[in-house]
Protein backbone atom coordinates (compact mmCIF):
# COMPACT_ATOMS: atom_id res chain seq x y z
CA UNK A 1 -106.04 -95.93 35.52
CA UNK A 2 -108.90 -97.69 33.73
CA UNK A 3 -108.91 -101.09 35.44
CA UNK A 4 -108.42 -102.13 39.06
CA UNK A 5 -104.70 -102.73 39.50
CA UNK A 6 -103.21 -104.35 42.56
CA UNK A 7 -101.48 -102.23 45.18
CA UNK A 8 -98.16 -100.91 43.79
CA UNK A 9 -98.60 -102.95 40.61
CA UNK A 10 -98.14 -99.89 38.41
CA UNK A 11 -97.34 -96.19 38.60
CA UNK A 12 -98.34 -93.17 36.57
CA UNK A 13 -95.95 -90.20 36.42
CA UNK A 14 -96.59 -86.66 35.18
CA UNK A 15 -94.18 -83.72 34.87
CA UNK A 16 -94.97 -80.05 34.24
CA UNK A 17 -92.74 -77.70 32.24
CA UNK A 18 -92.92 -74.08 31.06
CA UNK A 19 -91.85 -73.04 27.55
CA UNK A 20 -89.19 -70.32 27.32
CA UNK A 21 -87.06 -68.74 24.61
CA UNK A 22 -83.25 -68.84 24.34
CA UNK A 23 -83.00 -66.06 26.94
CA UNK A 24 -85.29 -68.08 29.23
CA UNK A 25 -88.17 -65.61 28.93
CA UNK A 26 -91.61 -67.23 29.13
CA UNK A 27 -93.28 -67.86 25.76
CA UNK A 28 -96.99 -68.61 25.20
CA UNK A 29 -96.31 -71.40 22.74
CA UNK A 30 -98.00 -74.53 24.09
CA UNK A 31 -101.03 -74.25 21.79
CA UNK A 32 -98.95 -73.91 18.57
CA UNK A 33 -96.57 -76.59 19.87
CA UNK A 34 -99.46 -79.04 20.32
CA UNK A 35 -100.82 -78.11 16.89
CA UNK A 36 -97.44 -78.85 15.35
CA UNK A 37 -97.11 -82.19 17.18
CA UNK A 38 -100.66 -83.39 16.46
CA UNK A 39 -101.16 -81.83 13.03
CA UNK A 40 -104.35 -80.17 14.27
CA UNK A 41 -105.52 -77.85 17.07
CA UNK A 42 -105.80 -79.83 20.31
CA UNK A 43 -105.46 -79.62 24.08
CA UNK A 44 -104.00 -83.09 24.51
CA UNK A 45 -102.23 -85.72 22.44
CA UNK A 46 -100.26 -88.93 22.71
CA UNK A 47 -97.16 -90.07 20.90
CA UNK A 48 -94.62 -92.78 21.62
CA UNK A 49 -96.36 -93.80 24.85
CA UNK A 50 -96.10 -90.25 26.17
CA UNK A 51 -99.13 -88.07 26.77
CA UNK A 52 -99.23 -84.28 26.59
CA UNK A 53 -101.97 -82.05 28.00
CA UNK A 54 -102.46 -78.37 28.72
CA UNK A 55 -102.33 -76.71 32.11
CA UNK A 56 -104.12 -73.61 33.40
CA UNK A 57 -101.29 -71.31 32.26
CA UNK A 58 -100.88 -71.35 28.49
CA UNK A 59 -97.07 -71.44 28.69
CA UNK A 60 -97.05 -74.65 30.77
CA UNK A 61 -97.96 -78.21 29.81
CA UNK A 62 -97.99 -81.64 31.40
CA UNK A 63 -95.97 -84.54 30.02
CA UNK A 64 -97.00 -87.98 31.35
CA UNK A 65 -96.89 -91.72 30.91
CA UNK A 66 -99.96 -92.29 28.74
CA UNK A 67 -100.55 -95.66 30.41
CA UNK A 68 -99.62 -96.87 33.91
CA UNK A 69 -96.18 -98.47 33.95
CA UNK A 70 -94.92 -101.48 35.90
CA UNK A 71 -91.28 -100.51 35.50
CA UNK A 72 -89.79 -97.14 36.43
CA UNK A 73 -86.96 -97.49 33.92
CA UNK A 74 -89.54 -97.79 31.16
CA UNK A 75 -91.41 -94.81 32.59
CA UNK A 76 -88.17 -92.79 32.50
CA UNK A 77 -87.54 -93.81 28.89
CA UNK A 78 -91.06 -92.80 27.84
CA UNK A 79 -90.91 -89.42 29.58
CA UNK A 80 -87.43 -88.58 28.33
CA UNK A 81 -88.46 -89.55 24.80
CA UNK A 82 -91.28 -87.03 25.15
CA UNK A 83 -88.89 -84.34 26.41
CA UNK A 84 -86.54 -84.92 23.46
CA UNK A 85 -89.34 -84.82 20.91
CA UNK A 86 -90.79 -81.60 22.27
CA UNK A 87 -87.35 -80.02 22.65
CA UNK A 88 -86.50 -80.70 19.00
CA UNK A 89 -89.77 -79.18 17.77
CA UNK A 90 -89.49 -76.16 20.04
CA UNK A 91 -85.92 -75.44 18.97
CA UNK A 92 -86.45 -76.02 15.24
CA UNK A 93 -89.81 -74.32 14.76
CA UNK A 94 -90.02 -71.75 17.54
CA UNK A 95 -86.49 -71.03 18.77
CA UNK A 96 -87.68 -72.10 22.21
CA UNK A 97 -86.99 -74.73 24.87
CA UNK A 98 -88.25 -76.22 28.15
CA UNK A 99 -87.18 -74.96 31.57
CA UNK A 100 -87.03 -77.40 34.50
CA UNK A 101 -87.58 -76.73 38.25
CA UNK A 102 -90.81 -75.80 40.03
CA UNK A 103 -90.81 -72.01 39.53
CA UNK A 104 -89.44 -69.68 36.88
CA UNK A 105 -86.88 -67.52 38.70
CA UNK A 106 -88.04 -64.11 37.43
CA UNK A 107 -91.34 -64.52 35.53
CA UNK A 108 -93.98 -61.87 36.33
CA UNK A 109 -97.26 -63.79 36.86
CA UNK A 110 -99.25 -60.67 35.97
CA UNK A 111 -98.17 -61.37 32.40
CA UNK A 112 -99.51 -64.92 32.51
CA UNK A 113 -102.40 -66.07 30.34
CA UNK A 114 -104.91 -68.89 30.86
CA UNK A 115 -105.48 -71.71 28.38
CA UNK A 116 -108.10 -70.76 25.79
CA UNK A 117 -109.11 -74.12 24.31
CA UNK A 118 -110.84 -77.04 26.10
CA UNK A 119 -111.59 -76.37 29.77
CA UNK A 120 -111.86 -72.65 29.10
CA UNK A 121 -115.09 -72.28 31.10
CA UNK A 122 -113.48 -73.96 34.09
CA UNK A 123 -110.47 -71.65 33.94
CA UNK A 124 -112.72 -68.62 33.56
CA UNK A 125 -114.61 -69.76 36.65
CA UNK A 126 -111.36 -70.10 38.55
CA UNK A 127 -110.53 -66.54 37.50
CA UNK A 128 -113.73 -65.25 39.14
CA UNK A 129 -112.87 -66.97 42.42
CA UNK A 130 -109.09 -66.64 42.71
CA UNK A 131 -106.25 -64.32 41.75
CA UNK A 132 -104.84 -66.36 38.89
CA UNK A 133 -102.29 -63.66 38.06
CA UNK A 134 -100.15 -64.83 40.96
CA UNK A 135 -97.27 -67.24 41.47
CA UNK A 136 -99.47 -69.90 43.07
CA UNK A 137 -101.28 -70.28 39.75
CA UNK A 138 -99.13 -68.99 36.90
CA UNK A 139 -95.68 -70.01 38.11
CA UNK A 140 -95.76 -73.53 39.53
CA UNK A 141 -94.55 -76.83 38.08
CA UNK A 142 -94.66 -80.17 39.88
CA UNK A 143 -94.23 -83.92 39.52
CA UNK A 144 -97.30 -86.07 40.18
CA UNK A 145 -97.21 -89.73 41.19
CA UNK A 146 -100.36 -91.84 40.70
CA UNK A 147 -100.57 -95.12 42.63
CA UNK A 148 -103.42 -97.65 42.31
CA UNK A 149 -105.95 -98.32 45.07
CA UNK A 150 -105.81 -102.08 45.54
CA UNK A 151 -108.53 -103.29 47.92
CA UNK A 152 -110.33 -100.84 50.19
CA UNK A 153 -108.18 -101.90 53.15
CA UNK A 154 -105.07 -101.36 51.03
CA UNK A 155 -106.36 -97.99 49.84
CA UNK A 156 -106.75 -96.85 53.44
CA UNK A 157 -103.27 -98.09 54.40
CA UNK A 158 -101.64 -96.54 51.32
CA UNK A 159 -103.34 -93.20 51.88
CA UNK A 160 -102.32 -93.09 55.54
CA UNK A 161 -98.76 -94.12 54.66
CA UNK A 162 -98.64 -91.18 52.25
CA UNK A 163 -99.82 -88.85 55.02
CA UNK A 164 -96.91 -90.03 57.18
CA UNK A 165 -94.31 -89.52 54.42
CA UNK A 166 -95.46 -86.27 52.77
CA UNK A 167 -94.08 -83.83 55.38
CA UNK A 168 -90.48 -84.81 54.63
CA UNK A 169 -90.46 -85.17 50.84
CA UNK A 170 -89.69 -81.46 50.19
CA UNK A 171 -86.36 -82.06 51.94
CA UNK A 172 -85.47 -84.06 48.82
CA UNK A 173 -87.49 -82.46 46.05
CA UNK A 174 -87.59 -78.68 46.70
CA UNK A 175 -86.44 -76.91 43.52
CA UNK A 176 -88.01 -73.45 43.82
CA UNK A 177 -85.66 -71.09 45.68
CA UNK A 178 -86.44 -67.99 43.61
CA UNK A 179 -89.23 -65.89 42.15
CA UNK A 180 -89.31 -62.32 40.79
CA UNK A 181 -85.52 -62.40 40.53
CA UNK A 182 -84.77 -62.87 44.20
CA UNK A 183 -84.68 -65.61 46.82
CA UNK A 184 -88.03 -66.35 48.41
CA UNK A 185 -88.71 -66.79 52.13
CA UNK A 186 -88.88 -70.60 51.85
CA UNK A 187 -86.68 -73.35 50.48
CA UNK A 188 -89.75 -74.66 48.62
CA UNK A 189 -91.51 -71.51 47.50
CA UNK A 190 -93.87 -73.39 45.18
CA UNK A 191 -95.38 -75.14 48.18
CA UNK A 192 -95.37 -71.90 50.16
CA UNK A 193 -97.60 -70.35 47.49
CA UNK A 194 -99.57 -73.58 47.05
CA UNK A 195 -100.72 -73.48 50.66
CA UNK A 196 -102.46 -70.14 50.26
CA UNK A 197 -103.57 -69.86 46.64
CA UNK A 198 -107.13 -71.03 47.44
CA UNK A 199 -107.46 -69.62 50.95
CA UNK A 200 -110.91 -68.22 50.10
CA UNK A 201 -112.20 -71.79 50.51
CA UNK A 202 -110.25 -73.33 53.43
CA UNK A 203 -111.65 -76.82 52.87
CA UNK A 204 -110.11 -77.09 49.39
CA UNK A 205 -106.45 -77.30 50.44
CA UNK A 206 -106.93 -77.95 54.15
CA UNK A 207 -103.55 -78.19 55.87
CA UNK A 208 -102.00 -79.68 52.68
CA UNK A 209 -101.17 -82.78 54.73
CA UNK A 210 -104.36 -84.85 54.26
CA UNK A 211 -106.59 -86.11 57.03
CA UNK A 212 -106.24 -89.80 57.84
CA UNK A 213 -108.63 -92.11 56.00
CA UNK A 214 -110.80 -94.77 57.64
CA UNK A 215 -112.72 -95.85 54.52
CA UNK A 216 -113.49 -94.57 51.04
CA UNK A 217 -116.99 -93.51 52.10
CA UNK A 218 -115.58 -91.67 55.13
CA UNK A 219 -113.16 -89.82 52.84
CA UNK A 220 -115.98 -88.72 50.55
CA UNK A 221 -118.01 -87.58 53.55
CA UNK A 222 -115.29 -85.80 55.51
CA UNK A 223 -113.04 -84.43 52.75
CA UNK A 224 -114.99 -84.02 49.50
CA UNK A 225 -118.43 -83.17 50.88
CA UNK A 226 -117.21 -80.10 52.83
CA UNK A 227 -115.48 -78.81 49.67
CA UNK A 228 -118.69 -79.15 47.66
CA UNK A 229 -120.69 -77.52 50.47
CA UNK A 230 -118.32 -74.56 50.64
CA UNK A 231 -118.66 -74.00 46.89
CA UNK A 232 -122.45 -74.53 46.81
CA UNK A 233 -123.52 -70.91 47.60
CA UNK A 234 -121.64 -69.65 44.53
CA UNK A 235 -123.64 -70.55 41.37
CA UNK A 236 -120.72 -70.19 38.98
CA UNK A 237 -118.67 -72.62 41.07
CA UNK A 238 -121.03 -75.55 40.46
CA UNK A 239 -118.80 -76.90 37.66
CA UNK A 240 -115.90 -77.14 40.14
CA UNK A 241 -117.64 -79.57 42.46
CA UNK A 242 -115.52 -82.53 41.43
CA UNK A 243 -112.89 -84.64 43.18
CA UNK A 244 -110.06 -82.83 41.36
CA UNK A 245 -110.98 -79.62 43.18
CA UNK A 246 -109.43 -81.16 46.28
CA UNK A 247 -105.96 -79.60 46.47
CA UNK A 248 -104.28 -81.41 49.34
CA UNK A 249 -100.74 -82.66 48.90
CA UNK A 250 -102.18 -86.06 47.98
CA UNK A 251 -105.71 -86.61 46.72
CA UNK A 252 -107.90 -89.65 46.14
CA UNK A 253 -108.92 -89.89 42.48
CA UNK A 254 -111.94 -92.21 42.57
CA UNK A 255 -112.46 -91.90 38.81
CA UNK A 256 -108.96 -93.33 38.31
CA UNK A 257 -108.96 -95.74 41.28
CA UNK A 258 -105.70 -94.09 42.26
CA UNK A 259 -104.13 -91.76 44.81
CA UNK A 260 -102.25 -88.82 43.33
CA UNK A 261 -99.24 -87.38 45.18
CA UNK A 262 -98.71 -83.70 44.33
CA UNK A 263 -96.08 -82.58 46.80
CA UNK A 264 -92.96 -83.06 44.64
CA UNK A 265 -91.33 -80.14 42.81
CA UNK A 266 -90.16 -80.83 39.24
CA UNK A 267 -86.41 -81.59 39.12
CA UNK A 268 -83.71 -80.67 36.59
CA UNK A 269 -84.08 -83.83 34.50
CA UNK A 270 -86.43 -86.76 34.05
CA UNK A 271 -83.98 -89.18 35.64
CA UNK A 272 -83.93 -87.19 38.86
CA UNK A 273 -87.73 -86.93 38.91
CA UNK A 274 -87.97 -90.70 38.52
CA UNK A 275 -85.37 -91.21 41.27
CA UNK A 276 -87.44 -89.07 43.64
CA UNK A 277 -90.54 -91.04 42.67
CA UNK A 278 -88.65 -94.30 43.23
CA UNK A 279 -87.66 -93.31 46.76
CA UNK A 280 -91.23 -92.22 47.47
CA UNK A 281 -92.76 -95.47 46.19
CA UNK A 282 -90.20 -97.78 47.81
CA UNK A 283 -90.68 -96.07 51.18
CA UNK A 284 -94.46 -96.17 50.88
CA UNK A 285 -94.35 -99.92 50.21
CA UNK A 286 -92.64 -100.50 53.55
CA UNK A 287 -94.88 -98.16 55.55
CA UNK A 288 -98.05 -99.49 53.93
CA UNK A 289 -97.10 -103.10 54.73
CA UNK A 290 -96.52 -102.23 58.39
CA UNK A 291 -99.83 -100.37 58.65
CA UNK A 292 -101.69 -103.25 57.00
CA UNK A 293 -100.16 -105.74 59.43
CA UNK A 294 -101.06 -103.58 62.41
CA UNK A 295 -97.43 -103.50 63.52
CA UNK A 296 -97.29 -99.72 63.29
CA UNK A 297 -99.82 -97.16 64.50
CA UNK A 298 -100.49 -93.71 63.09
CA UNK A 299 -98.62 -90.71 64.55
CA UNK A 300 -100.19 -87.45 65.67
CA UNK A 301 -101.22 -85.63 62.50
CA UNK A 302 -100.77 -82.23 64.17
CA UNK A 303 -97.06 -82.99 64.51
CA UNK A 304 -96.92 -84.02 60.84
CA UNK A 305 -98.47 -80.71 59.77
CA UNK A 306 -95.92 -78.78 61.84
CA UNK A 307 -93.08 -80.86 60.36
CA UNK A 308 -94.38 -80.21 56.83
CA UNK A 309 -94.54 -76.45 57.35
CA UNK A 310 -91.01 -76.47 58.77
CA UNK A 311 -89.68 -78.52 55.84
CA UNK A 312 -91.27 -76.24 53.25
CA UNK A 313 -89.70 -73.22 54.91
CA UNK A 314 -86.27 -74.61 55.88
CA UNK A 315 -85.73 -77.64 53.63
CA UNK A 316 -83.55 -80.56 54.66
CA UNK A 317 -82.18 -78.66 57.67
CA UNK A 318 -85.65 -78.06 59.12
CA UNK A 319 -86.01 -79.06 62.75
CA UNK A 320 -88.77 -81.68 62.91
CA UNK A 321 -90.44 -83.83 65.55
CA UNK A 322 -91.04 -86.94 63.38
CA UNK A 323 -92.73 -88.80 66.26
CA UNK A 324 -93.35 -91.93 64.22
CA UNK A 325 -89.65 -92.53 63.59
CA UNK A 326 -89.12 -92.94 67.31
CA UNK A 327 -92.18 -95.17 67.69
CA UNK A 328 -91.66 -97.19 64.49
CA UNK A 329 -87.89 -97.40 64.12
CA UNK A 330 -86.49 -96.50 67.51
CA UNK A 331 -84.55 -93.62 65.96
CA UNK A 332 -84.19 -91.18 68.85
CA UNK A 333 -81.76 -88.71 67.32
CA UNK A 334 -83.77 -87.49 64.33
CA UNK A 335 -83.39 -83.71 64.32
CA UNK A 336 -83.87 -82.62 60.72
CA UNK A 337 -86.26 -83.29 57.83
CA UNK A 338 -83.43 -84.80 55.79
CA UNK A 339 -82.59 -87.22 58.62
CA UNK A 340 -86.27 -88.15 58.94
CA UNK A 341 -86.64 -88.89 55.23
CA UNK A 342 -83.39 -90.82 55.13
CA UNK A 343 -84.48 -92.87 58.15
CA UNK A 344 -87.79 -93.74 56.53
CA UNK A 345 -86.24 -94.52 53.14
CA UNK A 346 -83.40 -96.65 54.44
CA UNK A 347 -85.50 -98.59 56.94
CA UNK A 348 -88.70 -98.99 54.92
CA UNK A 349 -87.70 -98.92 51.27
CA UNK A 350 -86.28 -101.69 49.13
CA UNK A 351 -83.06 -100.74 47.36
CA UNK A 352 -83.24 -100.31 43.59
CA UNK A 353 -81.17 -98.64 40.91
CA UNK A 354 -82.65 -95.21 41.62
CA UNK A 355 -82.46 -95.16 45.41
CA UNK A 356 -78.70 -94.32 45.66
CA UNK A 357 -79.23 -91.34 43.35
CA UNK A 358 -82.10 -90.00 45.47
CA UNK A 359 -80.21 -90.54 48.72
CA UNK A 360 -77.15 -88.82 47.26
CA UNK A 361 -79.30 -85.78 46.41
CA UNK A 362 -80.69 -85.81 49.95
CA UNK A 363 -77.15 -85.93 51.37
CA UNK A 364 -75.79 -83.12 49.15
CA UNK A 365 -78.85 -80.92 49.47
CA UNK A 366 -81.96 -80.54 47.35
CA UNK A 367 -81.88 -78.58 44.12
CA UNK A 368 -83.31 -75.46 45.75
CA UNK A 369 -80.62 -75.44 48.43
CA UNK A 370 -77.85 -76.02 45.90
CA UNK A 371 -79.10 -73.27 43.57
CA UNK A 372 -79.28 -70.87 46.50
CA UNK A 373 -75.78 -71.80 47.66
CA UNK A 374 -74.27 -71.19 44.24
CA UNK A 375 -76.06 -67.92 43.50
CA UNK A 376 -75.71 -66.45 46.99
CA UNK A 377 -71.92 -66.64 47.05
CA UNK A 378 -70.45 -63.45 48.40
CA UNK A 379 -73.54 -62.83 50.53
CA UNK A 380 -75.67 -61.59 47.65
CA UNK A 381 -79.40 -61.68 48.36
CA UNK A 382 -80.37 -60.52 44.87
CA UNK A 383 -78.09 -62.19 42.32
CA UNK A 384 -77.65 -60.58 38.93
CA UNK A 385 -80.02 -61.60 36.15
CA UNK A 386 -77.08 -62.80 34.07
CA UNK A 387 -75.89 -65.16 36.83
CA UNK A 388 -79.39 -66.52 37.35
CA UNK A 389 -79.90 -66.94 33.61
CA UNK A 390 -76.58 -68.76 33.28
CA UNK A 391 -77.36 -71.22 36.05
CA UNK A 392 -80.88 -71.96 34.84
CA UNK A 393 -79.57 -72.34 31.28
CA UNK A 394 -77.35 -75.10 32.66
CA UNK A 395 -80.40 -76.72 34.22
CA UNK A 396 -82.23 -76.53 30.89
CA UNK A 397 -79.32 -78.39 29.30
CA UNK A 398 -79.60 -81.04 32.03
CA UNK A 399 -83.20 -81.58 30.99
CA UNK A 400 -82.26 -81.96 27.33
CA UNK A 401 -79.50 -84.49 28.09
CA UNK A 402 -81.26 -86.19 31.02
CA UNK A 403 -78.26 -85.62 33.26
CA UNK A 404 -78.34 -84.55 36.89
CA UNK A 405 -76.86 -81.20 37.92
């Protein structure tokens, strides 16, 4: 975001996808795909209002709104146009396609490769510090929401509203039930891996749920400075001492004058991703307004961290405390993460065309829970590869047609 936008004036959305062949096996085709799209070797390009850029793994790329958008319907149109364009090129020239959801269900991360063009030194540095041949690095795809700062007071309120909402979003957006061909221990296995993939430096990810913010300078002092200090003794890590090294579930991007939310798994189609973003933004508007007015106070962050960990592991059925729903809304019978998110969305968010779709998904179960239910019929804990391939092939078709599953 290049100029100072007002609070909630615009949104930037980004989606990550892996490239696979017709049998859904991972293919290292992003570099030749970009070369075909741009007509030259490149690590990023823009076409039709849609931006494309590489990720750490060379079989994954990010598709994003090239400019911040005021209207989510336009954002959906831009992103889906990008999906269609890429899908046509992949099918015609490479016999390949995109695969939605947040984790490939059987990909072996030991076979992953890092991007070899721009940013190569950074990725090589990461490789010296972390085990990149693992699911937390090579097999993760997410949806990012970027929201503008506004004034400093608004930035603080927005950030703290995000902290209060993050623990319950996986109840809606979890889409990673499987890895290595079997069901993982969590409903949202991407976030389960995310929590520990940089454990060597505890300050980098923290508790995933960010610390409350009092001011921008306080955030730099208490969040970013400890990360830089922890990296300082390692000479080769000097190039990583930037704000993007912060890996909490939402991070302040001072260079963009925006806060980036990273907690959402990628869904089966662009429309569903935008619906999840719409619920998130609408709910944050209500919470932020109440925090700015002083009508609501901040809940105990320790309880939020516990609720987040429970939601990652158990999804919408997770037993949560949600202390702020009792204090803010007088809802005394909130027992699950899904109930907590529904209570926040229905009481704080303004209804729009996407909200019923997101609430319907929350009611029926997130994508991870629904995939698990379908593949685990008959009590099977390790479904056959053919059954998994068939289901995920259906999801890939949902992405191509922009239809929910």
